[in-house]
Amino acid sequence: MFARIFEQQFQPYRDGYLVYPSRKAGGKFVTAAEHATLVDEFRQRTRPVAIAGWFALFLLLAVGASFLSRTILPETLHWLASLFVMIPVVVWSLRNTTTPFRLVRGRPDAAPPRTPAEWRAVGAAMFNWWQIGLLALVGVLQLAQHGEAGPDAAARWLGLASGVLMLLASATLAIRKWRHRAA
C-alpha cells in the first residue's frame, strides 16, 4: 500500500518519469534508473519487518508516555512525552515521502506545471474507496465519542471539530473521486 502511494508521485514521461515538487512547479525529469532506485529503497524502508519495527518502537514509546501520564509528574513532562512519541513518526514519514523532491531540487523543468483540474484528478486517484470510508468512520466515531456532555468542555469541542473535519474531508474526497471516476 505504501509503495503504491509513493509511486503515484511519478508520472511516466518519455524514457523516464516526471515528479512535480509543488503545485506551481513544472515537472522535473527523473530517469528510469533513478526511479527504480527510489522505489526499491522505499520498499526496503516500508517492508513489513521495518514497519513492524517502527510499530514496536511507537508502541513502546506510547506505553512509556502512558506510564508517565499515570504518574504524578508535572503536566509539562506529559506534554514532552507525547512529543517524544510523535516526532520520530512525523520525521520518518516526511523524510521518506519527500525523497523524490529532494532528488530533483535544482533541476530544470521538463514539463509545464499541472493545471488545477489535473491536480484534482491526481488527488482523486490517490485514495481508494475503502480509505475514504475509513476516514468517514473515524469521523463518525469521533462525533459519537465526544457528542456526550463531559467534564472537559474544551476536549469535547476539539473532538467534535475533528470529527466534523474528518467527515468533511471524506465527503470532499468522495465527491472528487466520483467526478473523476472515468479518468
N, C-alpha and C. Protein backbone atom coordinates (compact mmCIF):
# COMPACT_ATOMS: atom_id res chain seq x y z
N MET A 1 0.83 -1.18 0.00
CA MET A 1 0.00 0.00 0.00
C MET A 1 0.87 1.25 0.00
N PHE A 2 1.90 1.30 0.84
CA PHE A 2 2.74 2.49 0.91
C PHE A 2 3.50 2.69 -0.40
N ALA A 3 3.97 1.60 -1.00
CA ALA A 3 4.74 1.72 -2.24
C ALA A 3 3.85 2.26 -3.37
N ARG A 4 2.59 1.85 -3.40
CA ARG A 4 1.66 2.34 -4.43
C ARG A 4 1.48 3.85 -4.30
N ILE A 5 1.30 4.32 -3.08
CA ILE A 5 1.15 5.75 -2.85
C ILE A 5 2.43 6.49 -3.22
N PHE A 6 3.58 5.91 -2.87
CA PHE A 6 4.86 6.53 -3.21
C PHE A 6 5.04 6.61 -4.72
N GLU A 7 4.69 5.55 -5.44
CA GLU A 7 4.86 5.52 -6.88
C GLU A 7 3.93 6.49 -7.60
N GLN A 8 2.84 6.89 -6.96
CA GLN A 8 1.93 7.84 -7.60
C GLN A 8 2.53 9.24 -7.69
N GLN A 9 3.65 9.48 -7.06
CA GLN A 9 4.34 10.76 -7.20
C GLN A 9 5.03 10.87 -8.55
N PHE A 10 5.21 9.76 -9.25
CA PHE A 10 5.91 9.73 -10.53
C PHE A 10 4.90 9.55 -11.66
N GLN A 11 5.06 10.36 -12.69
CA GLN A 11 4.21 10.25 -13.88
C GLN A 11 5.09 9.81 -15.04
N PRO A 12 4.74 8.71 -15.74
CA PRO A 12 5.56 8.27 -16.86
C PRO A 12 5.71 9.38 -17.90
N TYR A 13 6.93 9.52 -18.41
CA TYR A 13 7.23 10.57 -19.37
C TYR A 13 8.41 10.13 -20.22
N ARG A 14 8.19 9.97 -21.51
CA ARG A 14 9.23 9.52 -22.45
C ARG A 14 9.97 8.30 -21.92
N ASP A 15 11.28 8.40 -21.70
CA ASP A 15 12.05 7.24 -21.23
C ASP A 15 12.34 7.34 -19.73
N GLY A 16 11.51 8.04 -19.01
CA GLY A 16 11.69 8.19 -17.56
C GLY A 16 10.38 8.58 -16.90
N TYR A 17 10.49 9.47 -15.94
CA TYR A 17 9.32 9.88 -15.16
C TYR A 17 9.40 11.37 -14.85
N LEU A 18 8.24 11.95 -14.55
CA LEU A 18 8.17 13.33 -14.09
C LEU A 18 7.77 13.33 -12.62
N VAL A 19 8.36 14.26 -11.87
CA VAL A 19 7.97 14.50 -10.48
C VAL A 19 7.62 15.97 -10.38
N TYR A 20 6.46 16.25 -9.78
CA TYR A 20 6.04 17.63 -9.57
C TYR A 20 6.26 17.96 -8.10
N PRO A 21 7.32 18.74 -7.79
CA PRO A 21 7.63 19.01 -6.38
C PRO A 21 6.62 19.90 -5.66
N SER A 22 5.86 20.69 -6.41
CA SER A 22 4.83 21.53 -5.79
C SER A 22 3.75 21.82 -6.83
N ARG A 23 2.68 22.44 -6.39
CA ARG A 23 1.58 22.74 -7.31
C ARG A 23 1.99 23.72 -8.41
N LYS A 24 2.88 24.63 -8.11
CA LYS A 24 3.23 25.67 -9.08
C LYS A 24 4.49 25.34 -9.88
N ALA A 25 5.22 24.31 -9.48
CA ALA A 25 6.46 23.95 -10.18
C ALA A 25 6.14 23.06 -11.37
N GLY A 26 6.99 23.14 -12.36
CA GLY A 26 6.86 22.26 -13.50
C GLY A 26 7.37 20.87 -13.17
N GLY A 27 7.12 19.94 -14.07
CA GLY A 27 7.56 18.57 -13.87
C GLY A 27 9.06 18.43 -14.05
N LYS A 28 9.71 17.78 -13.12
CA LYS A 28 11.16 17.55 -13.17
C LYS A 28 11.40 16.12 -13.65
N PHE A 29 12.37 15.96 -14.54
CA PHE A 29 12.63 14.65 -15.12
C PHE A 29 13.46 13.77 -14.19
N VAL A 30 13.05 12.51 -14.06
CA VAL A 30 13.76 11.50 -13.29
C VAL A 30 13.97 10.31 -14.22
N THR A 31 15.20 9.83 -14.33
CA THR A 31 15.46 8.70 -15.22
C THR A 31 14.83 7.43 -14.66
N ALA A 32 14.70 6.45 -15.53
CA ALA A 32 14.12 5.17 -15.11
C ALA A 32 14.99 4.49 -14.05
N ALA A 33 16.30 4.64 -14.16
CA ALA A 33 17.21 4.03 -13.16
C ALA A 33 17.05 4.72 -11.80
N GLU A 34 16.95 6.05 -11.80
CA GLU A 34 16.73 6.77 -10.54
C GLU A 34 15.40 6.38 -9.92
N HIS A 35 14.37 6.24 -10.77
CA HIS A 35 13.05 5.84 -10.29
C HIS A 35 13.10 4.47 -9.64
N ALA A 36 13.75 3.52 -10.33
CA ALA A 36 13.84 2.16 -9.79
C ALA A 36 14.58 2.15 -8.46
N THR A 37 15.66 2.93 -8.36
CA THR A 37 16.42 3.01 -7.10
C THR A 37 15.56 3.59 -5.99
N LEU A 38 14.85 4.69 -6.27
CA LEU A 38 14.00 5.31 -5.25
C LEU A 38 12.91 4.37 -4.77
N VAL A 39 12.26 3.69 -5.71
CA VAL A 39 11.16 2.78 -5.34
C VAL A 39 11.70 1.59 -4.55
N ASP A 40 12.85 1.04 -4.96
CA ASP A 40 13.44 -0.08 -4.21
C ASP A 40 13.82 0.34 -2.79
N GLU A 41 14.44 1.52 -2.65
CA GLU A 41 14.80 1.99 -1.32
C GLU A 41 13.55 2.21 -0.46
N PHE A 42 12.51 2.77 -1.06
CA PHE A 42 11.28 3.00 -0.31
C PHE A 42 10.66 1.67 0.12
N ARG A 43 10.65 0.70 -0.78
CA ARG A 43 10.10 -0.62 -0.43
C ARG A 43 10.89 -1.27 0.70
N GLN A 44 12.21 -1.07 0.71
CA GLN A 44 13.02 -1.62 1.79
C GLN A 44 12.66 -0.98 3.13
N ARG A 45 12.42 0.34 3.11
CA ARG A 45 12.09 1.04 4.36
C ARG A 45 10.67 0.76 4.82
N THR A 46 9.80 0.33 3.90
CA THR A 46 8.40 0.09 4.28
C THR A 46 8.01 -1.38 4.18
N ARG A 47 8.98 -2.27 4.13
CA ARG A 47 8.64 -3.69 4.12
C ARG A 47 8.03 -4.06 5.47
N PRO A 48 7.28 -5.13 5.53
CA PRO A 48 6.58 -5.47 6.77
C PRO A 48 7.47 -5.55 8.00
N VAL A 49 8.71 -6.05 7.86
CA VAL A 49 9.60 -6.15 9.01
C VAL A 49 9.96 -4.76 9.53
N ALA A 50 10.24 -3.83 8.61
CA ALA A 50 10.59 -2.46 9.01
C ALA A 50 9.39 -1.77 9.65
N ILE A 51 8.22 -1.97 9.07
CA ILE A 51 7.01 -1.36 9.63
C ILE A 51 6.73 -1.95 11.01
N ALA A 52 6.93 -3.25 11.15
CA ALA A 52 6.71 -3.89 12.46
C ALA A 52 7.69 -3.33 13.49
N GLY A 53 8.93 -3.10 13.07
CA GLY A 53 9.91 -2.50 13.98
C GLY A 53 9.51 -1.09 14.39
N TRP A 54 9.08 -0.29 13.44
CA TRP A 54 8.62 1.07 13.76
C TRP A 54 7.38 1.03 14.65
N PHE A 55 6.48 0.07 14.35
CA PHE A 55 5.27 -0.05 15.18
C PHE A 55 5.65 -0.45 16.60
N ALA A 56 6.60 -1.37 16.74
CA ALA A 56 7.03 -1.78 18.08
C ALA A 56 7.66 -0.61 18.83
N LEU A 57 8.49 0.18 18.15
CA LEU A 57 9.08 1.35 18.78
C LEU A 57 8.01 2.36 19.18
N PHE A 58 7.06 2.60 18.27
CA PHE A 58 5.97 3.52 18.57
C PHE A 58 5.15 3.02 19.76
N LEU A 59 4.86 1.73 19.79
CA LEU A 59 4.11 1.15 20.90
C LEU A 59 4.87 1.28 22.20
N LEU A 60 6.17 1.03 22.17
CA LEU A 60 7.00 1.18 23.36
C LEU A 60 6.98 2.63 23.85
N LEU A 61 7.11 3.57 22.94
CA LEU A 61 7.07 4.98 23.32
C LEU A 61 5.69 5.37 23.85
N ALA A 62 4.63 4.84 23.22
CA ALA A 62 3.28 5.15 23.68
C ALA A 62 3.02 4.59 25.08
N VAL A 63 3.51 3.36 25.33
CA VAL A 63 3.35 2.78 26.67
C VAL A 63 4.13 3.60 27.69
N GLY A 64 5.35 4.02 27.32
CA GLY A 64 6.13 4.87 28.23
C GLY A 64 5.43 6.19 28.51
N ALA A 65 4.86 6.80 27.46
CA ALA A 65 4.13 8.06 27.65
C ALA A 65 2.89 7.84 28.51
N SER A 66 2.22 6.73 28.29
CA SER A 66 1.04 6.42 29.09
C SER A 66 1.42 6.22 30.55
N PHE A 67 2.54 5.53 30.78
CA PHE A 67 3.01 5.34 32.16
C PHE A 67 3.32 6.68 32.80
N LEU A 68 3.99 7.56 32.04
CA LEU A 68 4.30 8.88 32.59
C LEU A 68 3.03 9.67 32.91
N SER A 69 2.01 9.50 32.08
CA SER A 69 0.77 10.26 32.33
C SER A 69 0.03 9.74 33.56
N ARG A 70 0.29 8.51 33.97
CA ARG A 70 -0.36 7.95 35.16
C ARG A 70 0.36 8.36 36.44
N THR A 71 1.57 8.84 36.29
CA THR A 71 2.32 9.24 37.47
C THR A 71 1.97 10.67 37.85
N ILE A 72 2.54 11.12 38.91
CA ILE A 72 2.22 12.47 39.39
C ILE A 72 3.28 13.47 38.96
N LEU A 73 3.77 13.29 37.73
CA LEU A 73 4.76 14.22 37.19
C LEU A 73 4.06 15.50 36.72
N PRO A 74 4.78 16.57 36.60
CA PRO A 74 4.17 17.81 36.13
C PRO A 74 3.60 17.67 34.71
N GLU A 75 2.64 18.51 34.39
CA GLU A 75 1.97 18.46 33.08
C GLU A 75 2.94 18.66 31.92
N THR A 76 3.99 19.43 32.12
CA THR A 76 4.97 19.67 31.07
C THR A 76 5.63 18.37 30.64
N LEU A 77 5.92 17.48 31.57
CA LEU A 77 6.52 16.20 31.20
C LEU A 77 5.55 15.31 30.43
N HIS A 78 4.27 15.42 30.72
CA HIS A 78 3.28 14.66 29.96
C HIS A 78 3.28 15.14 28.50
N TRP A 79 3.36 16.46 28.34
CA TRP A 79 3.38 17.05 27.02
C TRP A 79 4.65 16.64 26.28
N LEU A 80 5.78 16.67 26.96
CA LEU A 80 7.04 16.26 26.35
C LEU A 80 7.04 14.78 25.97
N ALA A 81 6.41 13.96 26.79
CA ALA A 81 6.32 12.53 26.48
C ALA A 81 5.50 12.31 25.21
N SER A 82 4.43 13.07 25.04
CA SER A 82 3.63 12.96 23.82
C SER A 82 4.45 13.38 22.60
N LEU A 83 5.22 14.46 22.74
CA LEU A 83 6.08 14.89 21.64
C LEU A 83 7.13 13.84 21.33
N PHE A 84 7.66 13.21 22.35
CA PHE A 84 8.67 12.18 22.20
C PHE A 84 8.12 10.99 21.40
N VAL A 85 6.82 10.75 21.51
CA VAL A 85 6.19 9.66 20.76
C VAL A 85 5.94 10.08 19.31
N MET A 86 5.48 11.30 19.09
CA MET A 86 5.03 11.70 17.76
C MET A 86 6.14 12.20 16.83
N ILE A 87 7.14 12.87 17.36
CA ILE A 87 8.15 13.47 16.49
C ILE A 87 8.90 12.43 15.64
N PRO A 88 9.32 11.29 16.18
CA PRO A 88 10.01 10.32 15.30
C PRO A 88 9.12 9.80 14.17
N VAL A 89 7.85 9.62 14.43
CA VAL A 89 6.93 9.14 13.40
C VAL A 89 6.78 10.18 12.30
N VAL A 90 6.59 11.43 12.67
CA VAL A 90 6.43 12.51 11.69
C VAL A 90 7.70 12.70 10.88
N VAL A 91 8.84 12.70 11.53
CA VAL A 91 10.11 12.88 10.82
C VAL A 91 10.35 11.73 9.84
N TRP A 92 10.11 10.51 10.27
CA TRP A 92 10.29 9.35 9.39
C TRP A 92 9.36 9.45 8.18
N SER A 93 8.11 9.80 8.40
CA SER A 93 7.15 9.90 7.30
C SER A 93 7.54 10.99 6.31
N LEU A 94 7.86 12.17 6.82
CA LEU A 94 8.23 13.26 5.93
C LEU A 94 9.51 12.96 5.17
N ARG A 95 10.47 12.41 5.85
CA ARG A 95 11.76 12.12 5.19
C ARG A 95 11.58 11.12 4.06
N ASN A 96 10.79 10.08 4.28
CA ASN A 96 10.63 9.05 3.26
C ASN A 96 9.74 9.47 2.11
N THR A 97 8.72 10.26 2.38
CA THR A 97 7.80 10.61 1.30
C THR A 97 8.28 11.79 0.47
N THR A 98 9.24 12.57 0.95
CA THR A 98 9.72 13.71 0.17
C THR A 98 11.06 13.45 -0.50
N THR A 99 11.51 12.23 -0.52
CA THR A 99 12.79 11.89 -1.16
C THR A 99 12.84 12.31 -2.63
N PRO A 100 11.79 12.05 -3.44
CA PRO A 100 11.87 12.48 -4.85
C PRO A 100 12.03 14.00 -5.00
N PHE A 101 11.43 14.76 -4.13
CA PHE A 101 11.51 16.22 -4.23
C PHE A 101 12.92 16.71 -3.93
N ARG A 102 13.60 16.05 -3.00
CA ARG A 102 14.98 16.42 -2.70
C ARG A 102 15.89 16.03 -3.87
N LEU A 103 15.57 14.92 -4.53
CA LEU A 103 16.38 14.45 -5.66
C LEU A 103 16.34 15.45 -6.82
N VAL A 104 15.17 16.02 -7.10
CA VAL A 104 15.03 16.88 -8.28
C VAL A 104 15.26 18.36 -7.98
N ARG A 105 15.60 18.70 -6.76
CA ARG A 105 15.84 20.10 -6.41
C ARG A 105 16.93 20.67 -7.31
N GLY A 106 16.64 21.80 -7.95
CA GLY A 106 17.62 22.46 -8.80
C GLY A 106 17.60 22.02 -10.25
N ARG A 107 16.85 21.00 -10.57
CA ARG A 107 16.78 20.54 -11.97
C ARG A 107 15.84 21.45 -12.76
N PRO A 108 16.09 21.59 -14.07
CA PRO A 108 15.18 22.40 -14.88
C PRO A 108 13.86 21.68 -15.13
N ASP A 109 12.83 22.46 -15.44
CA ASP A 109 11.51 21.89 -15.73
C ASP A 109 11.56 21.14 -17.06
N ALA A 110 11.01 19.93 -17.06
CA ALA A 110 10.91 19.15 -18.29
C ALA A 110 9.50 19.23 -18.86
N ALA A 111 8.55 19.70 -18.06
CA ALA A 111 7.16 19.83 -18.49
C ALA A 111 6.55 21.02 -17.75
N PRO A 112 5.50 21.62 -18.31
CA PRO A 112 4.86 22.75 -17.63
C PRO A 112 4.13 22.29 -16.37
N PRO A 113 3.81 23.22 -15.47
CA PRO A 113 3.05 22.85 -14.27
C PRO A 113 1.69 22.24 -14.63
N ARG A 114 1.18 21.42 -13.74
CA ARG A 114 -0.14 20.84 -13.94
C ARG A 114 -1.21 21.90 -13.74
N THR A 115 -2.32 21.70 -14.42
CA THR A 115 -3.47 22.60 -14.23
C THR A 115 -4.20 22.20 -12.96
N PRO A 116 -5.03 23.09 -12.39
CA PRO A 116 -5.81 22.70 -11.20
C PRO A 116 -6.68 21.46 -11.43
N ALA A 117 -7.23 21.33 -12.61
CA ALA A 117 -8.06 20.14 -12.90
C ALA A 117 -7.22 18.86 -12.86
N GLU A 118 -5.99 18.93 -13.37
CA GLU A 118 -5.11 17.76 -13.31
C GLU A 118 -4.74 17.42 -11.87
N TRP A 119 -4.49 18.43 -11.03
CA TRP A 119 -4.18 18.17 -9.62
C TRP A 119 -5.36 17.51 -8.92
N ARG A 120 -6.59 17.96 -9.22
CA ARG A 120 -7.77 17.35 -8.59
C ARG A 120 -7.91 15.89 -9.02
N ALA A 121 -7.65 15.62 -10.29
CA ALA A 121 -7.74 14.23 -10.78
C ALA A 121 -6.69 13.35 -10.11
N VAL A 122 -5.48 13.87 -9.95
CA VAL A 122 -4.41 13.11 -9.28
C VAL A 122 -4.80 12.86 -7.83
N GLY A 123 -5.31 13.88 -7.16
CA GLY A 123 -5.73 13.72 -5.76
C GLY A 123 -6.86 12.71 -5.61
N ALA A 124 -7.80 12.72 -6.56
CA ALA A 124 -8.91 11.77 -6.50
C ALA A 124 -8.43 10.34 -6.70
N ALA A 125 -7.44 10.15 -7.55
CA ALA A 125 -6.94 8.80 -7.81
C ALA A 125 -6.06 8.27 -6.69
N MET A 126 -5.60 9.15 -5.83
CA MET A 126 -4.65 8.74 -4.79
C MET A 126 -5.29 7.89 -3.69
N PHE A 127 -6.59 8.04 -3.47
CA PHE A 127 -7.25 7.32 -2.39
C PHE A 127 -8.21 6.27 -2.94
N ASN A 128 -8.25 5.11 -2.28
CA ASN A 128 -9.22 4.07 -2.60
C ASN A 128 -10.52 4.38 -1.87
N TRP A 129 -11.60 3.73 -2.30
CA TRP A 129 -12.89 3.96 -1.65
C TRP A 129 -12.87 3.52 -0.20
N TRP A 130 -12.17 2.41 0.10
CA TRP A 130 -12.15 1.93 1.49
C TRP A 130 -11.41 2.91 2.39
N GLN A 131 -10.41 3.61 1.86
CA GLN A 131 -9.70 4.60 2.67
C GLN A 131 -10.60 5.80 2.98
N ILE A 132 -11.38 6.21 2.00
CA ILE A 132 -12.33 7.30 2.22
C ILE A 132 -13.38 6.88 3.23
N GLY A 133 -13.86 5.63 3.11
CA GLY A 133 -14.84 5.12 4.07
C GLY A 133 -14.29 5.02 5.47
N LEU A 134 -13.02 4.62 5.59
CA LEU A 134 -12.37 4.53 6.90
C LEU A 134 -12.26 5.91 7.54
N LEU A 135 -11.90 6.91 6.75
CA LEU A 135 -11.83 8.29 7.26
C LEU A 135 -13.20 8.75 7.75
N ALA A 136 -14.25 8.44 7.00
CA ALA A 136 -15.61 8.81 7.42
C ALA A 136 -16.00 8.08 8.70
N LEU A 137 -15.64 6.79 8.80
CA LEU A 137 -15.95 6.03 10.00
C LEU A 137 -15.26 6.61 11.24
N VAL A 138 -13.99 6.98 11.09
CA VAL A 138 -13.28 7.59 12.22
C VAL A 138 -13.94 8.91 12.60
N GLY A 139 -14.38 9.69 11.61
CA GLY A 139 -15.09 10.93 11.89
C GLY A 139 -16.38 10.70 12.65
N VAL A 140 -17.13 9.67 12.25
CA VAL A 140 -18.39 9.35 12.94
C VAL A 140 -18.10 8.89 14.37
N LEU A 141 -17.06 8.08 14.54
CA LEU A 141 -16.71 7.62 15.89
C LEU A 141 -16.27 8.79 16.77
N GLN A 142 -15.53 9.74 16.19
CA GLN A 142 -15.14 10.94 16.95
C GLN A 142 -16.39 11.69 17.41
N LEU A 143 -17.35 11.86 16.50
CA LEU A 143 -18.58 12.57 16.87
C LEU A 143 -19.35 11.82 17.94
N ALA A 144 -19.41 10.48 17.81
CA ALA A 144 -20.14 9.69 18.78
C ALA A 144 -19.46 9.73 20.15
N GLN A 145 -18.15 9.68 20.17
CA GLN A 145 -17.43 9.67 21.44
C GLN A 145 -17.52 11.01 22.15
N HIS A 146 -17.43 12.09 21.40
CA HIS A 146 -17.39 13.41 22.02
C HIS A 146 -18.73 14.13 21.98
N GLY A 147 -19.77 13.46 21.50
CA GLY A 147 -21.08 14.09 21.43
C GLY A 147 -21.76 14.24 22.78
N GLU A 148 -21.37 13.41 23.71
CA GLU A 148 -21.97 13.49 25.05
C GLU A 148 -21.30 14.59 25.85
N ALA A 149 -22.08 15.20 26.71
CA ALA A 149 -21.53 16.24 27.58
C ALA A 149 -20.58 15.59 28.58
N GLY A 150 -19.45 16.21 28.78
CA GLY A 150 -18.47 15.68 29.71
C GLY A 150 -17.91 16.78 30.58
N PRO A 151 -17.01 16.42 31.48
CA PRO A 151 -16.47 17.43 32.38
C PRO A 151 -15.54 18.42 31.69
N ASP A 152 -14.89 18.02 30.61
CA ASP A 152 -13.93 18.88 29.94
C ASP A 152 -14.54 19.41 28.64
N ALA A 153 -15.02 20.63 28.66
CA ALA A 153 -15.70 21.21 27.50
C ALA A 153 -14.74 21.43 26.34
N ALA A 154 -13.49 21.81 26.62
CA ALA A 154 -12.53 22.06 25.54
C ALA A 154 -12.23 20.77 24.77
N ALA A 155 -12.05 19.66 25.48
CA ALA A 155 -11.78 18.38 24.83
C ALA A 155 -12.99 17.95 24.01
N ARG A 156 -14.17 18.22 24.53
CA ARG A 156 -15.40 17.86 23.82
C ARG A 156 -15.48 18.61 22.50
N TRP A 157 -15.26 19.91 22.52
CA TRP A 157 -15.36 20.70 21.31
C TRP A 157 -14.24 20.35 20.33
N LEU A 158 -13.07 20.06 20.83
CA LEU A 158 -11.97 19.65 19.96
C LEU A 158 -12.30 18.32 19.27
N GLY A 159 -12.86 17.38 20.03
CA GLY A 159 -13.26 16.10 19.45
C GLY A 159 -14.36 16.26 18.42
N LEU A 160 -15.35 17.10 18.72
CA LEU A 160 -16.43 17.34 17.76
C LEU A 160 -15.89 18.00 16.50
N ALA A 161 -15.01 18.97 16.66
CA ALA A 161 -14.45 19.66 15.49
C ALA A 161 -13.63 18.71 14.63
N SER A 162 -12.82 17.86 15.27
CA SER A 162 -12.01 16.91 14.49
C SER A 162 -12.91 15.91 13.76
N GLY A 163 -13.99 15.47 14.40
CA GLY A 163 -14.92 14.56 13.75
C GLY A 163 -15.60 15.20 12.54
N VAL A 164 -16.02 16.45 12.69
CA VAL A 164 -16.65 17.16 11.57
C VAL A 164 -15.65 17.36 10.44
N LEU A 165 -14.39 17.72 10.77
CA LEU A 165 -13.38 17.90 9.74
C LEU A 165 -13.09 16.60 8.99
N MET A 166 -13.06 15.48 9.71
CA MET A 166 -12.83 14.19 9.05
C MET A 166 -13.99 13.84 8.13
N LEU A 167 -15.22 14.12 8.56
CA LEU A 167 -16.37 13.85 7.70
C LEU A 167 -16.37 14.75 6.48
N LEU A 168 -16.02 16.03 6.66
CA LEU A 168 -15.95 16.93 5.52
C LEU A 168 -14.85 16.51 4.54
N ALA A 169 -13.70 16.11 5.07
CA ALA A 169 -12.61 15.65 4.21
C ALA A 169 -13.01 14.40 3.44
N SER A 170 -13.66 13.45 4.11
CA SER A 170 -14.07 12.23 3.41
C SER A 170 -15.14 12.53 2.37
N ALA A 171 -16.05 13.44 2.67
CA ALA A 171 -17.08 13.82 1.69
C ALA A 171 -16.45 14.50 0.48
N THR A 172 -15.49 15.39 0.74
CA THR A 172 -14.81 16.08 -0.37
C THR A 172 -14.05 15.09 -1.24
N LEU A 173 -13.32 14.17 -0.60
CA LEU A 173 -12.58 13.16 -1.36
C LEU A 173 -13.52 12.27 -2.16
N ALA A 174 -14.64 11.87 -1.56
CA ALA A 174 -15.59 11.01 -2.25
C ALA A 174 -16.20 11.72 -3.47
N ILE A 175 -16.54 12.99 -3.31
CA ILE A 175 -17.11 13.75 -4.43
C ILE A 175 -16.09 13.88 -5.56
N ARG A 176 -14.84 14.21 -5.20
CA ARG A 176 -13.81 14.33 -6.23
C ARG A 176 -13.54 13.01 -6.92
N LYS A 177 -13.50 11.93 -6.15
CA LYS A 177 -13.26 10.61 -6.75
C LYS A 177 -14.42 10.23 -7.65
N TRP A 178 -15.64 10.52 -7.25
CA TRP A 178 -16.80 10.20 -8.06
C TRP A 178 -16.78 11.00 -9.37
N ARG A 179 -16.41 12.27 -9.29
CA ARG A 179 -16.37 13.11 -10.50
C ARG A 179 -15.28 12.66 -11.48
N HIS A 180 -14.17 12.15 -10.96
CA HIS A 180 -13.04 11.76 -11.80
C HIS A 180 -12.95 10.25 -12.02
N ARG A 181 -14.05 9.54 -11.80
CA ARG A 181 -14.01 8.09 -11.92
C ARG A 181 -13.74 7.61 -13.34
N ALA A 182 -14.12 8.39 -14.33
CA ALA A 182 -13.89 7.97 -15.72
C ALA A 182 -12.46 8.24 -16.16
N ALA A 183 -11.77 9.11 -15.41
CA ALA A 183 -10.40 9.48 -15.81
C ALA A 183 -9.40 8.41 -15.50
